[in-house]
Amino acid sequence: MDPRESRSRTFYLEEVSATASECSLAEARELLLEYGRFVIAQPGAARFCFGSLEQEAARLPFSYIEQGGGCLMAHVQGEPAGFVAWRTVLVSVSPDAWS
């Protein structure tokens, strides 16, 4: 989709890929760090490590792509409004877990 066309839409999702513009990367980083600031402001957030989140943000999107994941940023009326990232997590399940 042409970026000019997508910015004129009320809502759209943008993949934050390795070829994303510096502007998109900066917007995605800010949304991710805003989430981190929200989490640490909550009671009981002592286990949350903002420093590791800052490292992930600095390496966007590679911190997720390298682990089999990706990133999406939502835009509302042309402005960044949300961010989601995921990665593959390998889980070892014991055969006894299903008994």
PDB file of N, CA and C in Angstrom:
ATOM      1  N   MET A   1       0.845  -1.170   0.000  1.00  0.00           N
ATOM      2  CA  MET A   1       0.000   0.000   0.000  1.00  0.00           C
ATOM      3  C   MET A   1       0.897   1.241   0.000  1.00  0.00           C
ATOM      4  N   ASP A   2       0.538   2.215  -0.753  1.00  0.00           N
ATOM      5  CA  ASP A   2       1.272   3.488  -0.817  1.00  0.00           C
ATOM      6  C   ASP A   2       1.155   4.186   0.538  1.00  0.00           C
ATOM      7  N   PRO A   3       2.296   4.602   1.148  1.00  0.00           N
ATOM      8  CA  PRO A   3       2.237   5.257   2.466  1.00  0.00           C
ATOM      9  C   PRO A   3       1.309   6.463   2.517  1.00  0.00           C
ATOM     10  N   ARG A   4       1.219   7.221   1.416  1.00  0.00           N
ATOM     11  CA  ARG A   4       0.312   8.388   1.411  1.00  0.00           C
ATOM     12  C   ARG A   4      -1.128   7.943   1.507  1.00  0.00           C
ATOM     13  N   GLU A   5      -1.445   6.841   0.838  1.00  0.00           N
ATOM     14  CA  GLU A   5      -2.813   6.322   0.882  1.00  0.00           C
ATOM     15  C   GLU A   5      -3.140   5.809   2.286  1.00  0.00           C
ATOM     16  N   SER A   6      -2.216   5.068   2.902  1.00  0.00           N
ATOM     17  CA  SER A   6      -2.496   4.506   4.215  1.00  0.00           C
ATOM     18  C   SER A   6      -2.641   5.601   5.268  1.00  0.00           C
ATOM     19  N   ARG A   7      -1.901   6.693   5.173  1.00  0.00           N
ATOM     20  CA  ARG A   7      -1.983   7.766   6.171  1.00  0.00           C
ATOM     21  C   ARG A   7      -3.320   8.512   6.098  1.00  0.00           C
ATOM     22  N   SER A   8      -4.006   8.425   4.969  1.00  0.00           N
ATOM     23  CA  SER A   8      -5.288   9.107   4.854  1.00  0.00           C
ATOM     24  C   SER A   8      -6.430   8.260   5.435  1.00  0.00           C
ATOM     25  N   ARG A   9      -6.162   7.024   5.779  1.00  0.00           N
ATOM     26  CA  ARG A   9      -7.190   6.152   6.342  1.00  0.00           C
ATOM     27  C   ARG A   9      -7.361   6.441   7.831  1.00  0.00           C
ATOM     28  N   THR A  10      -8.540   6.145   8.355  1.00  0.00           N
ATOM     29  CA  THR A  10      -8.826   6.372   9.762  1.00  0.00           C
ATOM     30  C   THR A  10      -7.980   5.465  10.650  1.00  0.00           C
ATOM     31  N   PHE A  11      -7.846   4.188  10.274  1.00  0.00           N
ATOM     32  CA  PHE A  11      -7.087   3.219  11.054  1.00  0.00           C
ATOM     33  C   PHE A  11      -6.321   2.320  10.098  1.00  0.00           C
ATOM     34  N   TYR A  12      -5.064   2.058  10.419  1.00  0.00           N
ATOM     35  CA  TYR A  12      -4.310   1.073   9.651  1.00  0.00           C
ATOM     36  C   TYR A  12      -3.184   0.510  10.494  1.00  0.00           C
ATOM     37  N   LEU A  13      -2.726  -0.685  10.105  1.00  0.00           N
ATOM     38  CA  LEU A  13      -1.597  -1.336  10.747  1.00  0.00           C
ATOM     39  C   LEU A  13      -0.396  -1.265   9.833  1.00  0.00           C
ATOM     40  N   GLU A  14       0.760  -1.031  10.415  1.00  0.00           N
ATOM     41  CA  GLU A  14       2.015  -0.971   9.673  1.00  0.00           C
ATOM     42  C   GLU A  14       2.953  -2.020  10.253  1.00  0.00           C
ATOM     43  N   GLU A  15       3.508  -2.857   9.397  1.00  0.00           N
ATOM     44  CA  GLU A  15       4.538  -3.783   9.859  1.00  0.00           C
ATOM     45  C   GLU A  15       5.811  -2.983  10.102  1.00  0.00           C
ATOM     46  N   VAL A  16       6.395  -3.147  11.270  1.00  0.00           N
ATOM     47  CA  VAL A  16       7.661  -2.492  11.582  1.00  0.00           C
ATOM     48  C   VAL A  16       8.738  -3.496  11.213  1.00  0.00           C
ATOM     49  N   SER A  17       9.250  -3.365   9.998  1.00  0.00           N
ATOM     50  CA  SER A  17      10.198  -4.328   9.443  1.00  0.00           C
ATOM     51  C   SER A  17      11.602  -3.743   9.417  1.00  0.00           C
ATOM     52  N   ALA A  18      12.534  -4.554   8.947  1.00  0.00           N
ATOM     53  CA  ALA A  18      13.932  -4.120   8.837  1.00  0.00           C
ATOM     54  C   ALA A  18      14.079  -2.950   7.874  1.00  0.00           C
ATOM     55  N   THR A  19      13.118  -2.764   6.982  1.00  0.00           N
ATOM     56  CA  THR A  19      13.190  -1.678   6.006  1.00  0.00           C
ATOM     57  C   THR A  19      12.321  -0.479   6.387  1.00  0.00           C
ATOM     58  N   ALA A  20      11.805  -0.475   7.621  1.00  0.00           N
ATOM     59  CA  ALA A  20      10.952   0.631   8.069  1.00  0.00           C
ATOM     60  C   ALA A  20      11.752   1.931   8.098  1.00  0.00           C
ATOM     61  N   SER A  21      11.063   3.017   7.896  1.00  0.00           N
ATOM     62  CA  SER A  21      11.716   4.331   7.924  1.00  0.00           C
ATOM     63  C   SER A  21      12.181   4.655   9.346  1.00  0.00           C
ATOM     64  N   GLU A  22      13.146   5.541   9.453  1.00  0.00           N
ATOM     65  CA  GLU A  22      13.622   5.969  10.769  1.00  0.00           C
ATOM     66  C   GLU A  22      12.487   6.593  11.579  1.00  0.00           C
ATOM     67  N   CYS A  23      11.599   7.294  10.897  1.00  0.00           N
ATOM     68  CA  CYS A  23      10.446   7.907  11.576  1.00  0.00           C
ATOM     69  C   CYS A  23       9.552   6.823  12.189  1.00  0.00           C
ATOM     70  N   SER A  24       9.243   5.780  11.425  1.00  0.00           N
ATOM     71  CA  SER A  24       8.416   4.686  11.938  1.00  0.00           C
ATOM     72  C   SER A  24       9.105   3.977  13.098  1.00  0.00           C
ATOM     73  N   LEU A  25      10.407   3.746  12.972  1.00  0.00           N
ATOM     74  CA  LEU A  25      11.146   3.087  14.052  1.00  0.00           C
ATOM     75  C   LEU A  25      11.125   3.930  15.320  1.00  0.00           C
ATOM     76  N   ALA A  26      11.294   5.237  15.181  1.00  0.00           N
ATOM     77  CA  ALA A  26      11.266   6.131  16.343  1.00  0.00           C
ATOM     78  C   ALA A  26       9.890   6.115  17.006  1.00  0.00           C
ATOM     79  N   GLU A  27       8.826   6.114  16.196  1.00  0.00           N
ATOM     80  CA  GLU A  27       7.469   6.070  16.745  1.00  0.00           C
ATOM     81  C   GLU A  27       7.226   4.749  17.473  1.00  0.00           C
ATOM     82  N   ALA A  28       7.678   3.647  16.880  1.00  0.00           N
ATOM     83  CA  ALA A  28       7.498   2.334  17.503  1.00  0.00           C
ATOM     84  C   ALA A  28       8.281   2.252  18.807  1.00  0.00           C
ATOM     85  N   ARG A  29       9.509   2.743  18.808  1.00  0.00           N
ATOM     86  CA  ARG A  29      10.321   2.737  20.037  1.00  0.00           C
ATOM     87  C   ARG A  29       9.627   3.527  21.150  1.00  0.00           C
ATOM     88  N   GLU A  30       9.106   4.684  20.805  1.00  0.00           N
ATOM     89  CA  GLU A  30       8.452   5.521  21.813  1.00  0.00           C
ATOM     90  C   GLU A  30       7.221   4.823  22.384  1.00  0.00           C
ATOM     91  N   LEU A  31       6.429   4.161  21.541  1.00  0.00           N
ATOM     92  CA  LEU A  31       5.255   3.441  22.040  1.00  0.00           C
ATOM     93  C   LEU A  31       5.666   2.292  22.953  1.00  0.00           C
ATOM     94  N   LEU A  32       6.720   1.561  22.583  1.00  0.00           N
ATOM     95  CA  LEU A  32       7.193   0.456  23.412  1.00  0.00           C
ATOM     96  C   LEU A  32       7.686   0.966  24.765  1.00  0.00           C
ATOM     97  N   LEU A  33       8.441   2.043  24.754  1.00  0.00           N
ATOM     98  CA  LEU A  33       8.954   2.601  26.006  1.00  0.00           C
ATOM     99  C   LEU A  33       7.839   3.231  26.847  1.00  0.00           C
ATOM    100  N   GLU A  34       6.829   3.783  26.189  1.00  0.00           N
ATOM    101  CA  GLU A  34       5.675   4.317  26.920  1.00  0.00           C
ATOM    102  C   GLU A  34       4.979   3.192  27.673  1.00  0.00           C
ATOM    103  N   TYR A  35       4.853   2.042  27.029  1.00  0.00           N
ATOM    104  CA  TYR A  35       4.289   0.863  27.694  1.00  0.00           C
ATOM    105  C   TYR A  35       5.125   0.503  28.928  1.00  0.00           C
ATOM    106  N   GLY A  36       6.442   0.487  28.775  1.00  0.00           N
ATOM    107  CA  GLY A  36       7.320   0.162  29.895  1.00  0.00           C
ATOM    108  C   GLY A  36       7.168   1.132  31.049  1.00  0.00           C
ATOM    109  N   ARG A  37       7.069   2.413  30.735  1.00  0.00           N
ATOM    110  CA  ARG A  37       6.876   3.420  31.791  1.00  0.00           C
ATOM    111  C   ARG A  37       5.544   3.215  32.509  1.00  0.00           C
ATOM    112  N   PHE A  38       4.522   2.813  31.760  1.00  0.00           N
ATOM    113  CA  PHE A  38       3.218   2.528  32.363  1.00  0.00           C
ATOM    114  C   PHE A  38       3.334   1.339  33.314  1.00  0.00           C
ATOM    115  N   VAL A  39       4.008   0.282  32.881  1.00  0.00           N
ATOM    116  CA  VAL A  39       4.124  -0.925  33.701  1.00  0.00           C
ATOM    117  C   VAL A  39       4.860  -0.631  35.002  1.00  0.00           C
ATOM    118  N   ILE A  40       5.979   0.079  34.928  1.00  0.00           N
ATOM    119  CA  ILE A  40       6.741   0.307  36.163  1.00  0.00           C
ATOM    120  C   ILE A  40       6.031   1.278  37.120  1.00  0.00           C
ATOM    121  N   ALA A  41       5.058   2.013  36.625  1.00  0.00           N
ATOM    122  CA  ALA A  41       4.291   2.914  37.489  1.00  0.00           C
ATOM    123  C   ALA A  41       3.217   2.172  38.279  1.00  0.00           C
ATOM    124  N   GLN A  42       2.984   0.890  37.934  1.00  0.00           N
ATOM    125  CA  GLN A  42       1.946   0.113  38.601  1.00  0.00           C
ATOM    126  C   GLN A  42       2.489  -0.525  39.873  1.00  0.00           C
ATOM    127  N   PRO A  43       1.630  -0.658  40.899  1.00  0.00           N
ATOM    128  CA  PRO A  43       2.052  -1.357  42.120  1.00  0.00           C
ATOM    129  C   PRO A  43       2.449  -2.804  41.786  1.00  0.00           C
ATOM    130  N   GLY A  44       3.510  -3.277  42.410  1.00  0.00           N
ATOM    131  CA  GLY A  44       3.938  -4.663  42.205  1.00  0.00           C
ATOM    132  C   GLY A  44       4.738  -4.886  40.941  1.00  0.00           C
ATOM    133  N   ALA A  45       5.231  -3.845  40.339  1.00  0.00           N
ATOM    134  CA  ALA A  45       5.979  -3.991  39.083  1.00  0.00           C
ATOM    135  C   ALA A  45       7.472  -4.203  39.324  1.00  0.00           C
ATOM    136  N   ALA A  46       7.861  -4.591  40.503  1.00  0.00           N
ATOM    137  CA  ALA A  46       9.277  -4.713  40.860  1.00  0.00           C
ATOM    138  C   ALA A  46      10.020  -5.709  39.970  1.00  0.00           C
ATOM    139  N   ARG A  47       9.361  -6.688  39.430  1.00  0.00           N
ATOM    140  CA  ARG A  47      10.030  -7.694  38.599  1.00  0.00           C
ATOM    141  C   ARG A  47      10.237  -7.232  37.166  1.00  0.00           C
ATOM    142  N   PHE A  48       9.647  -6.144  36.777  1.00  0.00           N
ATOM    143  CA  PHE A  48       9.755  -5.645  35.410  1.00  0.00           C
ATOM    144  C   PHE A  48      11.104  -4.949  35.237  1.00  0.00           C
ATOM    145  N   CYS A  49      11.840  -5.330  34.198  1.00  0.00           N
ATOM    146  CA  CYS A  49      13.160  -4.745  33.965  1.00  0.00           C
ATOM    147  C   CYS A  49      13.088  -3.761  32.795  1.00  0.00           C
ATOM    148  N   PHE A  50      12.982  -2.473  33.117  1.00  0.00           N
ATOM    149  CA  PHE A  50      12.886  -1.442  32.086  1.00  0.00           C
ATOM    150  C   PHE A  50      14.160  -1.385  31.251  1.00  0.00           C
ATOM    151  N   GLY A  51      15.312  -1.684  31.858  1.00  0.00           N
ATOM    152  CA  GLY A  51      16.584  -1.661  31.126  1.00  0.00           C
ATOM    153  C   GLY A  51      16.606  -2.633  29.959  1.00  0.00           C
ATOM    154  N   SER A  52      16.063  -3.833  30.143  1.00  0.00           N
ATOM    155  CA  SER A  52      16.039  -4.786  29.036  1.00  0.00           C
ATOM    156  C   SER A  52      15.051  -4.339  27.963  1.00  0.00           C
ATOM    157  N   LEU A  53      13.973  -3.675  28.362  1.00  0.00           N
ATOM    158  CA  LEU A  53      13.023  -3.143  27.389  1.00  0.00           C
ATOM    159  C   LEU A  53      13.675  -2.036  26.557  1.00  0.00           C
ATOM    160  N   GLU A  54      14.504  -1.211  27.211  1.00  0.00           N
ATOM    161  CA  GLU A  54      15.226  -0.167  26.479  1.00  0.00           C
ATOM    162  C   GLU A  54      16.168  -0.789  25.446  1.00  0.00           C
ATOM    163  N   GLN A  55      16.799  -1.905  25.796  1.00  0.00           N
ATOM    164  CA  GLN A  55      17.683  -2.593  24.845  1.00  0.00           C
ATOM    165  C   GLN A  55      16.886  -3.143  23.668  1.00  0.00           C
ATOM    166  N   GLU A  56      15.720  -3.720  23.938  1.00  0.00           N
ATOM    167  CA  GLU A  56      14.864  -4.221  22.864  1.00  0.00           C
ATOM    168  C   GLU A  56      14.424  -3.076  21.960  1.00  0.00           C
ATOM    169  N   ALA A  57      14.047  -1.959  22.560  1.00  0.00           N
ATOM    170  CA  ALA A  57      13.596  -0.798  21.780  1.00  0.00           C
ATOM    171  C   ALA A  57      14.724  -0.272  20.897  1.00  0.00           C
ATOM    172  N   ALA A  58      15.931  -0.237  21.420  1.00  0.00           N
ATOM    173  CA  ALA A  58      17.070   0.270  20.647  1.00  0.00           C
ATOM    174  C   ALA A  58      17.342  -0.589  19.428  1.00  0.00           C
ATOM    175  N   ARG A  59      17.005  -1.870  19.491  1.00  0.00           N
ATOM    176  CA  ARG A  59      17.289  -2.780  18.380  1.00  0.00           C
ATOM    177  C   ARG A  59      16.055  -3.094  17.526  1.00  0.00           C
ATOM    178  N   LEU A  60      14.973  -2.366  17.724  1.00  0.00           N
ATOM    179  CA  LEU A  60      13.763  -2.632  16.921  1.00  0.00           C
ATOM    180  C   LEU A  60      14.076  -2.553  15.443  1.00  0.00           C
ATOM    181  N   PRO A  61      13.522  -3.440  14.662  1.00  0.00           N
ATOM    182  CA  PRO A  61      12.676  -4.588  14.980  1.00  0.00           C
ATOM    183  C   PRO A  61      13.472  -5.878  15.200  1.00  0.00           C
ATOM    184  N   PHE A  62      14.805  -5.796  15.094  1.00  0.00           N
ATOM    185  CA  PHE A  62      15.638  -7.000  15.121  1.00  0.00           C
ATOM    186  C   PHE A  62      15.532  -7.776  16.420  1.00  0.00           C
ATOM    187  N   SER A  63      15.284  -7.097  17.546  1.00  0.00           N
ATOM    188  CA  SER A  63      15.166  -7.789  18.822  1.00  0.00           C
ATOM    189  C   SER A  63      14.015  -8.800  18.801  1.00  0.00           C
ATOM    190  N   TYR A  64      13.075  -8.649  17.887  1.00  0.00           N
ATOM    191  CA  TYR A  64      11.957  -9.582  17.756  1.00  0.00           C
ATOM    192  C   TYR A  64      12.103 -10.474  16.521  1.00  0.00           C
ATOM    193  N   ILE A  65      12.509  -9.915  15.402  1.00  0.00           N
ATOM    194  CA  ILE A  65      12.651 -10.680  14.161  1.00  0.00           C
ATOM    195  C   ILE A  65      13.653 -11.812  14.339  1.00  0.00           C
ATOM    196  N   GLU A  66      14.771 -11.539  15.014  1.00  0.00           N
ATOM    197  CA  GLU A  66      15.809 -12.557  15.214  1.00  0.00           C
ATOM    198  C   GLU A  66      15.318 -13.737  16.043  1.00  0.00           C
ATOM    199  N   GLN A  67      14.214 -13.565  16.735  1.00  0.00           N
ATOM    200  CA  GLN A  67      13.660 -14.634  17.558  1.00  0.00           C
ATOM    201  C   GLN A  67      12.350 -15.172  16.970  1.00  0.00           C
ATOM    202  N   GLY A  68      12.218 -15.062  15.651  1.00  0.00           N
ATOM    203  CA  GLY A  68      11.065 -15.619  14.955  1.00  0.00           C
ATOM    204  C   GLY A  68       9.783 -14.846  15.143  1.00  0.00           C
ATOM    205  N   GLY A  69       9.879 -13.578  15.506  1.00  0.00           N
ATOM    206  CA  GLY A  69       8.686 -12.774  15.742  1.00  0.00           C
ATOM    207  C   GLY A  69       8.570 -11.606  14.791  1.00  0.00           C
ATOM    208  N   GLY A  70       7.946 -10.556  15.259  1.00  0.00           N
ATOM    209  CA  GLY A  70       7.750  -9.369  14.443  1.00  0.00           C
ATOM    210  C   GLY A  70       7.108  -8.258  15.247  1.00  0.00           C
ATOM    211  N   CYS A  71       6.790  -7.172  14.561  1.00  0.00           N
ATOM    212  CA  CYS A  71       6.216  -5.989  15.207  1.00  0.00           C
ATOM    213  C   CYS A  71       5.176  -5.355  14.297  1.00  0.00           C
ATOM    214  N   LEU A  72       4.130  -4.837  14.904  1.00  0.00           N
ATOM    215  CA  LEU A  72       3.108  -4.069  14.196  1.00  0.00           C
ATOM    216  C   LEU A  72       2.851  -2.781  14.966  1.00  0.00           C
ATOM    217  N   MET A  73       2.596  -1.723  14.216  1.00  0.00           N
ATOM    218  CA  MET A  73       2.218  -0.458  14.830  1.00  0.00           C
ATOM    219  C   MET A  73       0.863  -0.051  14.258  1.00  0.00           C
ATOM    220  N   ALA A  74      -0.045   0.351  15.146  1.00  0.00           N
ATOM    221  CA  ALA A  74      -1.363   0.826  14.734  1.00  0.00           C
ATOM    222  C   ALA A  74      -1.333   2.333  14.622  1.00  0.00           C
ATOM    223  N   HIS A  75      -2.039   2.850  13.622  1.00  0.00           N
ATOM    224  CA  HIS A  75      -2.177   4.292  13.419  1.00  0.00           C
ATOM    225  C   HIS A  75      -3.666   4.630  13.396  1.00  0.00           C
ATOM    226  N   VAL A  76      -4.014   5.716  14.044  1.00  0.00           N
ATOM    227  CA  VAL A  76      -5.386   6.229  14.012  1.00  0.00           C
ATOM    228  C   VAL A  76      -5.299   7.666  13.510  1.00  0.00           C
ATOM    229  N   GLN A  77      -5.991   7.920  12.428  1.00  0.00           N
ATOM    230  CA  GLN A  77      -5.987   9.231  11.774  1.00  0.00           C
ATOM    231  C   GLN A  77      -4.562   9.723  11.531  1.00  0.00           C
ATOM    232  N   GLY A  78      -3.705   8.786  11.082  1.00  0.00           N
ATOM    233  CA  GLY A  78      -2.338   9.125  10.703  1.00  0.00           C
ATOM    234  C   GLY A  78      -1.343   9.234  11.839  1.00  0.00           C
ATOM    235  N   GLU A  79      -1.797   9.047  13.077  1.00  0.00           N
ATOM    236  CA  GLU A  79      -0.913   9.167  14.245  1.00  0.00           C
ATOM    237  C   GLU A  79      -0.664   7.792  14.858  1.00  0.00           C
ATOM    238  N   PRO A  80       0.556   7.530  15.344  1.00  0.00           N
ATOM    239  CA  PRO A  80       0.820   6.244  16.004  1.00  0.00           C
ATOM    240  C   PRO A  80      -0.043   6.108  17.258  1.00  0.00           C
ATOM    241  N   ALA A  81      -0.690   4.945  17.400  1.00  0.00           N
ATOM    242  CA  ALA A  81      -1.631   4.770  18.499  1.00  0.00           C
ATOM    243  C   ALA A  81      -1.409   3.485  19.290  1.00  0.00           C
ATOM    244  N   GLY A  82      -0.665   2.549  18.755  1.00  0.00           N
ATOM    245  CA  GLY A  82      -0.451   1.294  19.466  1.00  0.00           C
ATOM    246  C   GLY A  82       0.675   0.507  18.834  1.00  0.00           C
ATOM    247  N   PHE A  83       1.253  -0.387  19.614  1.00  0.00           N
ATOM    248  CA  PHE A  83       2.383  -1.185  19.154  1.00  0.00           C
ATOM    249  C   PHE A  83       2.275  -2.561  19.779  1.00  0.00           C
ATOM    250  N   VAL A  84       2.567  -3.585  18.990  1.00  0.00           N
ATOM    251  CA  VAL A  84       2.611  -4.951  19.510  1.00  0.00           C
ATOM    252  C   VAL A  84       3.817  -5.645  18.890  1.00  0.00           C
ATOM    253  N   ALA A  85       4.486  -6.444  19.703  1.00  0.00           N
ATOM    254  CA  ALA A  85       5.633  -7.220  19.239  1.00  0.00           C
ATOM    255  C   ALA A  85       5.528  -8.622  19.819  1.00  0.00           C
ATOM    256  N   TRP A  86       6.067  -9.588  19.105  1.00  0.00           N
ATOM    257  CA  TRP A  86       6.026 -10.972  19.560  1.00  0.00           C
ATOM    258  C   TRP A  86       7.291 -11.680  19.128  1.00  0.00           C
ATOM    259  N   ARG A  87       7.565 -12.777  19.794  1.00  0.00           N
ATOM    260  CA  ARG A  87       8.704 -13.631  19.443  1.00  0.00           C
ATOM    261  C   ARG A  87       8.329 -15.069  19.738  1.00  0.00           C
ATOM    262  N   THR A  88       9.010 -15.982  19.081  1.00  0.00           N
ATOM    263  CA  THR A  88       8.799 -17.395  19.316  1.00  0.00           C
ATOM    264  C   THR A  88       9.383 -17.762  20.666  1.00  0.00           C
ATOM    265  N   VAL A  89       8.628 -18.481  21.442  1.00  0.00           N
ATOM    266  CA  VAL A  89       9.101 -18.971  22.725  1.00  0.00           C
ATOM    267  C   VAL A  89       9.058 -20.494  22.657  1.00  0.00           C
ATOM    268  N   LEU A  90      10.211 -21.096  22.832  1.00  0.00           N
ATOM    269  CA  LEU A  90      10.278 -22.554  22.825  1.00  0.00           C
ATOM    270  C   LEU A  90       9.891 -23.055  24.205  1.00  0.00           C
ATOM    271  N   VAL A  91       8.915 -23.954  24.224  1.00  0.00           N
ATOM    272  CA  VAL A  91       8.418 -24.485  25.482  1.00  0.00           C
ATOM    273  C   VAL A  91       8.644 -25.981  25.480  1.00  0.00           C
ATOM    274  N   SER A  92       9.240 -26.444  26.532  1.00  0.00           N
ATOM    275  CA  SER A  92       9.455 -27.871  26.702  1.00  0.00           C
ATOM    276  C   SER A  92       8.344 -28.398  27.608  1.00  0.00           C
ATOM    277  N   VAL A  93       7.572 -29.357  27.089  1.00  0.00           N
ATOM    278  CA  VAL A  93       6.471 -29.907  27.857  1.00  0.00           C
ATOM    279  C   VAL A  93       6.786 -31.367  28.127  1.00  0.00           C
ATOM    280  N   SER A  94       6.714 -31.737  29.373  1.00  0.00           N
ATOM    281  CA  SER A  94       6.919 -33.121  29.778  1.00  0.00           C
ATOM    282  C   SER A  94       5.717 -33.952  29.353  1.00  0.00           C
ATOM    283  N   PRO A  95       5.950 -35.181  28.882  1.00  0.00           N
ATOM    284  CA  PRO A  95       4.808 -36.047  28.526  1.00  0.00           C
ATOM    285  C   PRO A  95       3.860 -36.252  29.711  1.00  0.00           C
ATOM    286  N   ASP A  96       4.388 -36.165  30.936  1.00  0.00           N
ATOM    287  CA  ASP A  96       3.546 -36.345  32.124  1.00  0.00           C
ATOM    288  C   ASP A  96       2.600 -35.178  32.345  1.00  0.00           C
ATOM    289  N   ALA A  97       2.864 -34.033  31.691  1.00  0.00           N
ATOM    290  CA  ALA A  97       2.026 -32.852  31.878  1.00  0.00           C
ATOM    291  C   ALA A  97       0.615 -33.071  31.352  1.00  0.00           C
ATOM    292  N   TRP A  98       0.435 -33.979  30.434  1.00  0.00           N
ATOM    293  CA  TRP A  98      -0.886 -34.205  29.820  1.00  0.00           C
ATOM    294  C   TRP A  98      -1.661 -35.317  30.525  1.00  0.00           C
ATOM    295  N   SER A  99      -1.092 -35.912  31.535  1.00  0.00           N
ATOM    296  CA  SER A  99      -1.783 -37.027  32.235  1.00  0.00           C
ATOM    297  C   SER A  99      -2.765 -36.505  33.248  1.00  0.00           C
TER     298      SER A  99
END
